[in-house]
Amino acid sequence: MYHPLLNEQHQLIRESVRDFAEREIKPIAKELDDKQQFSVELTHKMGEIGLFGLVVSPDYGGQGMDYLSYIIAVEELARIDSSQAATVAAGNSLGMNPIYYFGNEEQKRKYLPILCTGKKLWGFGLTEPNAGSDSRNSKTVAKLEDGNWIINGSKIFITNASSEITIGSTIQTVSGDDGKEKEFTAIIVENGTPGFIAKTMHDKLMWRASNTAELYFDDCKIPESNVLGKRGEGSKIMLSTLDCGRLSIAAMGLGLAQGAFELAMQYAQDRIQFGKPISKQQVVAFKLSDMALKIELARNLLYKACWLKDHDKPFAKEAAMSKLYCSEVAKEVADEAVQIHGGYGLMKDYDIERLYRDQRLLQIGEGTSEIQRLVISRYIGC
């Protein structure tokens, strides 16, 4: 695949991850989805080929690659299975990034090397039952007493936070409230800490083979030194992390759209109606043409946003645009792909059924499409 922003390293990343996804993930994706089973073995295999810590410095066990390389890897995983792409995307963007960019040296040395191997995972505790799009409506409270934080509250829909290989999460807490403005602090909480329970959520429509958790804190005592960054910087840290996270969700949308398009194309070439493949019928050919066009535009926008980040230029607006557009394209392409499959597209024996379900999260997770439009509107001066 030629693209002016891609170099030889990017092409090698694409080829190696695509080969891995075809060999290791595709044969078992349906079974894992059916069983709602998070695969430790597959996560370890993804770690073995270097899919965790892609942008982390080798000083902390990472690959030291650019962000575009990481995004291509997520894209190729999502082309086959969103659940595994979600594990990698959340592991990198939401799990490691806050520690890597805001942690002190001791925190980086303690957690990043093992997280970069994929042998352990880390959660990102921002969303609450009443704090979704309004992240500053957090009710999880941390009070400082005798050199320890006492945390009470809960989080919900937290990826990678309750698997058997999860070792902790970064938690946004309300650490002060003067009645006018809340103070937010990000705190590192390790799994197994007394007063902290991580409970796996089941019966999801999508990403059924990824780990999603509810987190509960009941007088959970955490050392004061577990603050990530500085006290009062929690909201800044969490929202800054989401800027990078939006790129990975966009990559998942792009990859899923590519996978859905390829499934539709193959089916249209094989399916004979009225004496010829339906890909030769104008109504289907035009659908496939529109799908290819939207995917190309989505890829160009996302890669531009990654280029901006890799060159230390402002990229938050483009990240929001990419997340919005790629997730919407995934929805449109997956829907048309099901239409091309007809009744077969509604059956679990066909992979397009799973892709159709998996895309639905993309317009909600890490900022809804409506929130992305709000973010964009502010950047353009509304």
Protein backbone atom coordinates (compact mmCIF):
# COMPACT_ATOMS: atom_id res chain seq x y z
CA MET A 1 0.00 0.00 0.00
CA TYR A 2 1.60 3.28 -1.11
CA HIS A 3 1.15 6.44 0.91
CA PRO A 4 3.44 9.49 0.78
CA LEU A 5 3.83 9.58 4.58
CA LEU A 6 4.93 5.94 4.85
CA ASN A 7 8.53 4.77 4.81
CA GLU A 8 10.02 1.30 4.62
CA GLN A 9 9.66 0.75 8.38
CA HIS A 10 5.95 1.54 8.20
CA GLN A 11 5.50 -0.94 5.37
CA LEU A 12 7.32 -3.65 7.32
CA ILE A 13 5.14 -2.99 10.37
CA ARG A 14 2.03 -3.37 8.24
CA GLU A 15 3.21 -6.58 6.63
CA SER A 16 4.32 -8.22 9.87
CA VAL A 17 1.20 -7.29 11.86
CA ARG A 18 -1.11 -8.28 9.00
CA ASP A 19 0.63 -11.65 8.75
CA PHE A 20 0.33 -12.15 12.52
CA ALA A 21 -3.36 -11.18 12.54
CA GLU A 22 -4.15 -13.54 9.68
CA ARG A 23 -2.25 -16.46 11.23
CA GLU A 24 -2.85 -16.09 14.95
CA ILE A 25 -6.03 -14.05 15.43
CA LYS A 26 -8.35 -14.79 12.51
CA PRO A 27 -8.68 -18.56 13.14
CA ILE A 28 -9.90 -18.04 16.73
CA ALA A 29 -11.60 -14.61 16.62
CA LYS A 30 -15.11 -16.02 16.26
CA GLU A 31 -14.63 -18.56 19.05
CA LEU A 32 -13.30 -15.94 21.47
CA ASP A 33 -16.21 -13.65 20.57
CA ASP A 34 -18.76 -16.44 21.10
CA LYS A 35 -17.27 -17.35 24.48
CA GLN A 36 -16.72 -13.73 25.58
CA GLN A 37 -13.19 -14.86 26.37
CA PHE A 38 -10.22 -12.59 26.91
CA SER A 39 -7.14 -14.48 25.70
CA VAL A 40 -4.06 -14.17 27.89
CA GLU A 41 -2.16 -16.37 25.45
CA LEU A 42 -2.95 -14.15 22.47
CA THR A 43 -2.10 -11.02 24.46
CA HIS A 44 1.29 -12.53 25.33
CA LYS A 45 1.87 -13.38 21.66
CA MET A 46 1.10 -9.79 20.69
CA GLY A 47 3.60 -8.70 23.29
CA GLU A 48 6.22 -11.08 21.93
CA ILE A 49 6.09 -9.43 18.50
CA GLY A 50 6.46 -5.98 20.09
CA LEU A 51 2.93 -4.60 19.92
CA PHE A 52 3.08 -3.15 23.44
CA GLY A 53 5.32 -0.18 24.14
CA LEU A 54 5.70 0.66 20.46
CA VAL A 55 6.24 4.38 21.15
CA VAL A 56 7.93 3.97 24.55
CA SER A 57 11.66 4.63 24.70
CA PRO A 58 13.96 1.57 24.74
CA ASP A 59 15.22 2.95 28.08
CA TYR A 60 11.99 1.61 29.57
CA GLY A 61 11.68 -1.54 27.47
CA GLY A 62 9.78 -0.07 24.53
CA GLN A 63 10.32 -0.10 20.77
CA GLY A 64 10.97 3.64 20.40
CA MET A 65 8.99 3.90 17.16
CA ASP A 66 6.95 6.83 15.88
CA TYR A 67 3.22 7.15 16.46
CA LEU A 68 2.36 6.36 12.86
CA SER A 69 3.97 2.92 13.24
CA TYR A 70 1.80 2.24 16.29
CA ILE A 71 -1.35 3.41 14.52
CA ILE A 72 -0.65 1.16 11.53
CA ALA A 73 -0.29 -1.80 13.90
CA VAL A 74 -3.66 -1.07 15.52
CA GLU A 75 -5.22 -0.59 12.08
CA GLU A 76 -4.04 -4.00 10.92
CA LEU A 77 -5.29 -5.74 14.08
CA ALA A 78 -8.72 -4.11 13.72
CA ARG A 79 -8.91 -5.25 10.11
CA ILE A 80 -9.29 -8.78 11.55
CA ASP A 81 -10.59 -8.37 15.11
CA SER A 82 -11.48 -5.28 17.13
CA SER A 83 -11.18 -7.08 20.47
CA GLN A 84 -7.45 -7.69 20.06
CA ALA A 85 -6.97 -4.22 18.59
CA ALA A 86 -8.71 -2.79 21.67
CA THR A 87 -6.39 -4.69 24.01
CA VAL A 88 -3.34 -3.27 22.26
CA ALA A 89 -4.76 0.22 21.78
CA ALA A 90 -5.86 0.57 25.40
CA GLY A 91 -2.64 -1.05 26.61
CA ASN A 92 -0.55 1.53 24.80
CA SER A 93 -2.55 4.77 24.56
CA LEU A 94 -4.44 4.59 27.84
CA GLY A 95 -2.37 2.20 29.92
CA MET A 96 1.24 3.14 29.31
CA ASN A 97 1.02 6.68 27.92
CA PRO A 98 0.00 8.44 31.17
CA ILE A 99 2.85 6.75 33.04
CA TYR A 100 5.32 7.36 30.21
CA TYR A 101 4.50 11.04 29.70
CA PHE A 102 3.59 12.10 33.25
CA GLY A 103 5.13 9.57 35.62
CA ASN A 104 8.26 10.18 37.65
CA GLU A 105 11.37 8.12 37.06
CA GLU A 106 10.56 5.63 39.80
CA GLN A 107 7.06 5.02 38.42
CA LYS A 108 8.36 4.58 34.89
CA ARG A 109 11.01 2.10 35.98
CA LYS A 110 8.56 0.16 38.11
CA TYR A 111 5.73 -0.31 35.60
CA LEU A 112 6.75 0.35 31.98
CA PRO A 113 9.25 -2.51 31.41
CA ILE A 114 6.75 -5.24 32.30
CA LEU A 115 3.85 -3.48 30.52
CA CYS A 116 5.95 -3.23 27.35
CA THR A 117 6.24 -7.02 27.23
CA GLY A 118 2.47 -7.56 27.08
CA LYS A 119 2.77 -9.95 30.03
CA LYS A 120 0.88 -7.45 32.20
CA LEU A 121 -1.79 -4.83 31.49
CA TRP A 122 -2.88 -1.48 32.95
CA GLY A 123 -6.24 0.32 33.06
CA PHE A 124 -7.32 3.95 32.62
CA GLY A 125 -10.00 4.83 35.17
CA LEU A 126 -11.82 7.93 33.97
CA THR A 127 -15.45 7.06 33.11
CA GLU A 128 -18.04 6.79 35.87
CA PRO A 129 -21.77 5.99 35.86
CA ASN A 130 -22.53 9.74 35.94
CA ALA A 131 -19.31 11.00 34.36
CA GLY A 132 -19.08 9.96 30.73
CA SER A 133 -18.94 12.85 28.27
CA ASP A 134 -18.85 15.16 31.31
CA SER A 135 -15.58 13.82 32.73
CA ARG A 136 -15.39 16.62 35.30
CA ASN A 137 -18.52 15.27 36.96
CA SER A 138 -16.42 12.59 38.64
CA LYS A 139 -17.63 11.49 42.06
CA THR A 140 -14.69 9.25 43.01
CA VAL A 141 -13.11 11.07 45.93
CA ALA A 142 -9.56 10.90 47.31
CA LYS A 143 -8.83 12.42 50.71
CA LEU A 144 -5.28 12.79 52.03
CA GLU A 145 -4.91 11.44 55.57
CA ASP A 146 -1.60 10.81 57.35
CA GLY A 147 0.39 10.45 54.12
CA ASN A 148 -2.15 8.21 52.38
CA TRP A 149 -4.96 8.79 49.92
CA ILE A 150 -8.30 7.29 50.99
CA ILE A 151 -10.31 6.62 47.82
CA ASN A 152 -14.05 6.03 47.62
CA GLY A 153 -16.16 5.73 44.49
CA SER A 154 -16.43 3.72 41.30
CA LYS A 155 -15.51 3.60 37.61
CA ILE A 156 -17.17 1.81 34.70
CA PHE A 157 -16.34 0.62 31.16
CA ILE A 158 -12.59 0.46 31.87
CA THR A 159 -10.67 -1.58 29.28
CA ASN A 160 -7.95 -4.01 30.44
CA ALA A 161 -8.66 -3.27 34.11
CA SER A 162 -9.80 -6.66 35.46
CA SER A 163 -8.03 -9.32 33.43
CA GLU A 164 -5.94 -11.93 35.22
CA ILE A 165 -2.80 -10.15 34.00
CA THR A 166 -3.86 -6.62 34.98
CA ILE A 167 -1.61 -5.11 37.65
CA GLY A 168 -3.23 -1.70 38.14
CA SER A 169 -4.99 1.38 36.80
CA THR A 170 -4.58 5.14 36.67
CA ILE A 171 -7.59 6.67 38.44
CA GLN A 172 -8.99 10.18 38.16
CA THR A 173 -10.13 11.34 41.60
CA VAL A 174 -11.65 14.46 43.08
CA SER A 175 -8.96 15.48 45.58
CA GLY A 176 -10.46 18.80 46.60
CA ASP A 177 -13.63 20.87 46.19
CA ASP A 178 -13.93 24.45 47.37
CA GLY A 179 -17.54 24.69 46.28
CA LYS A 180 -16.64 26.60 43.15
CA GLU A 181 -14.18 24.34 41.37
CA LYS A 182 -13.13 20.74 41.83
CA GLU A 183 -9.50 19.68 42.06
CA PHE A 184 -8.67 16.49 40.19
CA THR A 185 -5.68 14.24 40.86
CA ALA A 186 -4.57 11.12 38.97
CA ILE A 187 -3.55 8.30 41.30
CA ILE A 188 -1.93 4.93 40.58
CA VAL A 189 -3.86 2.06 42.15
CA GLU A 190 -2.52 -1.49 41.97
CA ASN A 191 -4.85 -4.48 41.68
CA GLY A 192 -5.10 -6.41 44.91
CA THR A 193 -5.00 -3.29 47.08
CA PRO A 194 -7.40 -3.69 50.04
CA GLY A 195 -10.63 -1.79 49.39
CA PHE A 196 -10.24 -2.00 45.60
CA ILE A 197 -12.31 -4.44 43.54
CA ALA A 198 -12.12 -4.86 39.76
CA LYS A 199 -15.14 -6.69 38.33
CA THR A 200 -15.31 -7.93 34.72
CA MET A 201 -18.33 -6.85 32.66
CA HIS A 202 -20.01 -9.42 30.37
CA ASP A 203 -22.77 -9.59 27.74
CA LYS A 204 -21.41 -6.76 25.61
CA LEU A 205 -22.64 -6.21 22.06
CA MET A 206 -19.10 -5.67 20.83
CA TRP A 207 -15.43 -6.28 21.69
CA ARG A 208 -16.59 -9.43 23.47
CA ALA A 209 -13.05 -10.86 23.62
CA SER A 210 -11.57 -7.75 25.23
CA ASN A 211 -11.56 -7.12 28.97
CA THR A 212 -13.93 -4.44 30.30
CA ALA A 213 -14.31 -3.68 33.99
CA GLU A 214 -16.18 -1.93 36.75
CA LEU A 215 -13.92 -0.61 39.50
CA TYR A 216 -15.01 -0.08 43.11
CA PHE A 217 -13.17 1.79 45.85
CA ASP A 218 -14.18 1.43 49.51
CA ASP A 219 -11.79 3.29 51.84
CA CYS A 220 -8.97 2.17 49.55
CA LYS A 221 -5.69 3.36 51.10
CA ILE A 222 -2.98 4.43 48.62
CA PRO A 223 0.44 5.99 49.44
CA GLU A 224 0.68 9.72 48.71
CA SER A 225 3.65 8.95 46.43
CA ASN A 226 1.28 7.17 44.00
CA VAL A 227 0.14 10.49 42.56
CA LEU A 228 0.78 10.58 38.81
CA GLY A 229 2.17 13.96 37.82
CA LYS A 230 1.23 16.58 40.40
CA ARG A 231 -1.75 17.02 42.64
CA GLY A 232 -4.43 18.98 40.79
CA GLU A 233 -3.24 17.94 37.32
CA GLY A 234 -5.49 14.88 37.04
CA SER A 235 -7.99 16.24 34.53
CA LYS A 236 -5.19 17.67 32.38
CA ILE A 237 -3.40 14.31 32.36
CA MET A 238 -6.51 12.30 31.55
CA LEU A 239 -7.74 14.59 28.78
CA SER A 240 -4.27 14.87 27.25
CA THR A 241 -4.13 11.08 27.20
CA LEU A 242 -7.44 11.02 25.32
CA ASP A 243 -5.94 13.13 22.51
CA CYS A 244 -3.56 10.24 21.78
CA GLY A 245 -6.28 7.69 22.48
CA ARG A 246 -8.45 9.24 19.79
CA LEU A 247 -5.82 8.39 17.21
CA SER A 248 -5.92 4.72 18.19
CA ILE A 249 -9.74 4.61 18.12
CA ALA A 250 -9.55 6.23 14.68
CA ALA A 251 -7.11 3.51 13.65
CA MET A 252 -9.57 0.89 14.83
CA GLY A 253 -12.28 2.51 12.73
CA LEU A 254 -10.03 2.65 9.70
CA GLY A 255 -8.90 -0.95 10.09
CA LEU A 256 -12.43 -2.24 10.64
CA ALA A 257 -13.66 -0.35 7.58
CA GLN A 258 -10.84 -1.86 5.52
CA GLY A 259 -11.69 -5.34 6.75
CA ALA A 260 -15.42 -4.89 6.09
CA PHE A 261 -14.71 -3.56 2.60
CA GLU A 262 -12.51 -6.54 1.76
CA LEU A 263 -15.15 -8.98 3.00
CA ALA A 264 -17.82 -7.22 0.93
CA MET A 265 -15.62 -7.16 -2.16
CA GLN A 266 -14.82 -10.86 -1.91
CA TYR A 267 -18.46 -11.77 -1.38
CA ALA A 268 -19.57 -9.55 -4.27
CA GLN A 269 -17.08 -11.21 -6.60
CA ASP A 270 -18.22 -14.70 -5.56
CA ARG A 271 -21.98 -14.13 -5.44
CA ILE A 272 -23.71 -14.72 -8.78
CA GLN A 273 -27.08 -13.11 -9.48
CA PHE A 274 -28.74 -12.48 -12.81
CA GLY A 275 -25.96 -14.43 -14.50
CA LYS A 276 -22.94 -12.48 -13.26
CA PRO A 277 -21.11 -11.53 -10.03
CA ILE A 278 -22.97 -8.86 -8.10
CA SER A 279 -19.75 -6.80 -8.11
CA LYS A 280 -20.56 -6.24 -11.80
CA GLN A 281 -24.03 -4.93 -10.97
CA GLN A 282 -23.88 -1.15 -11.00
CA VAL A 283 -25.75 -0.69 -7.73
CA VAL A 284 -23.23 -2.87 -5.88
CA ALA A 285 -20.22 -1.55 -7.78
CA PHE A 286 -21.16 2.00 -6.77
CA LYS A 287 -21.50 0.95 -3.14
CA LEU A 288 -18.01 -0.55 -3.21
CA SER A 289 -16.63 2.55 -4.93
CA ASP A 290 -18.05 4.82 -2.24
CA MET A 291 -16.64 2.56 0.46
CA ALA A 292 -13.16 2.66 -1.09
CA LEU A 293 -13.36 6.46 -1.38
CA LYS A 294 -14.33 6.96 2.27
CA ILE A 295 -11.58 4.62 3.48
CA GLU A 296 -8.98 6.50 1.44
CA LEU A 297 -10.09 9.85 2.86
CA ALA A 298 -10.13 8.46 6.40
CA ARG A 299 -6.62 7.07 6.03
CA ASN A 300 -5.27 10.38 4.71
CA LEU A 301 -6.77 12.34 7.61
CA LEU A 302 -5.55 9.92 10.28
CA TYR A 303 -2.03 9.66 8.88
CA LYS A 304 -1.81 13.46 8.72
CA ALA A 305 -2.80 13.70 12.40
CA CYS A 306 -0.10 11.14 13.28
CA TRP A 307 2.46 13.05 11.21
CA LEU A 308 1.64 16.21 13.18
CA LYS A 309 2.12 14.41 16.49
CA ASP A 310 5.36 12.77 15.36
CA HIS A 311 6.71 16.19 14.35
CA ASP A 312 5.73 17.85 17.66
CA LYS A 313 3.07 20.02 16.08
CA PRO A 314 -0.42 20.68 17.50
CA PHE A 315 -2.60 17.72 16.61
CA ALA A 316 -5.57 17.75 19.00
CA LYS A 317 -8.00 19.16 16.42
CA GLU A 318 -6.91 16.63 13.80
CA ALA A 319 -7.09 13.83 16.37
CA ALA A 320 -10.72 14.73 17.10
CA MET A 321 -11.47 14.97 13.39
CA SER A 322 -9.81 11.61 12.74
CA LYS A 323 -11.65 9.89 15.57
CA LEU A 324 -14.97 11.31 14.40
CA TYR A 325 -14.51 10.62 10.70
CA CYS A 326 -12.91 7.17 10.95
CA SER A 327 -15.56 5.92 13.38
CA GLU A 328 -18.36 7.26 11.19
CA VAL A 329 -16.77 5.69 8.10
CA ALA A 330 -16.52 2.36 9.95
CA LYS A 331 -20.25 2.57 10.64
CA GLU A 332 -21.14 3.38 7.05
CA VAL A 333 -18.83 0.83 5.46
CA ALA A 334 -19.82 -1.98 7.84
CA ASP A 335 -23.49 -1.26 7.21
CA GLU A 336 -23.09 -1.34 3.42
CA ALA A 337 -20.98 -4.49 3.70
CA VAL A 338 -23.84 -6.23 5.52
CA GLN A 339 -26.24 -4.99 2.84
CA ILE A 340 -24.05 -6.49 0.12
CA HIS A 341 -23.98 -9.80 1.99
CA GLY A 342 -27.77 -9.75 2.23
CA GLY A 343 -29.22 -12.31 4.64
CA TYR A 344 -25.84 -13.99 5.07
CA GLY A 345 -24.50 -10.78 6.62
CA LEU A 346 -26.84 -11.34 9.56
CA MET A 347 -25.44 -14.77 10.38
CA LYS A 348 -22.63 -15.40 12.87
CA ASP A 349 -20.96 -17.79 10.43
CA TYR A 350 -19.92 -14.72 8.44
CA ASP A 351 -17.23 -12.42 9.87
CA ILE A 352 -19.04 -9.30 8.70
CA GLU A 353 -21.66 -9.88 11.42
CA ARG A 354 -18.97 -9.47 14.11
CA LEU A 355 -17.43 -6.44 12.42
CA TYR A 356 -20.86 -4.82 12.19
CA ARG A 357 -21.32 -5.21 15.95
CA ASP A 358 -17.79 -4.16 16.83
CA GLN A 359 -17.98 -0.85 14.98
CA ARG A 360 -20.79 0.43 17.20
CA LEU A 361 -18.49 1.21 20.10
CA LEU A 362 -16.32 3.51 17.99
CA GLN A 363 -18.86 6.35 17.94
CA ILE A 364 -19.06 6.21 21.75
CA GLY A 365 -15.70 5.24 23.27
CA GLU A 366 -13.04 7.84 24.17
CA GLY A 367 -15.41 10.67 23.40
CA THR A 368 -18.69 10.32 21.51
CA SER A 369 -19.12 11.62 17.98
CA GLU A 370 -21.09 14.49 19.51
CA ILE A 371 -18.22 15.38 21.84
CA GLN A 372 -15.76 15.26 18.95
CA ARG A 373 -17.90 17.79 17.10
CA LEU A 374 -17.89 19.97 20.21
CA VAL A 375 -14.09 19.74 20.45
CA ILE A 376 -13.69 20.57 16.76
CA SER A 377 -16.09 23.49 17.01
CA ARG A 378 -13.93 25.05 19.72
CA TYR A 379 -10.76 24.67 17.67
CA ILE A 380 -12.32 26.34 14.63
CA GLY A 381 -13.46 29.32 16.71
CA CYS A 382 -17.14 28.69 17.35
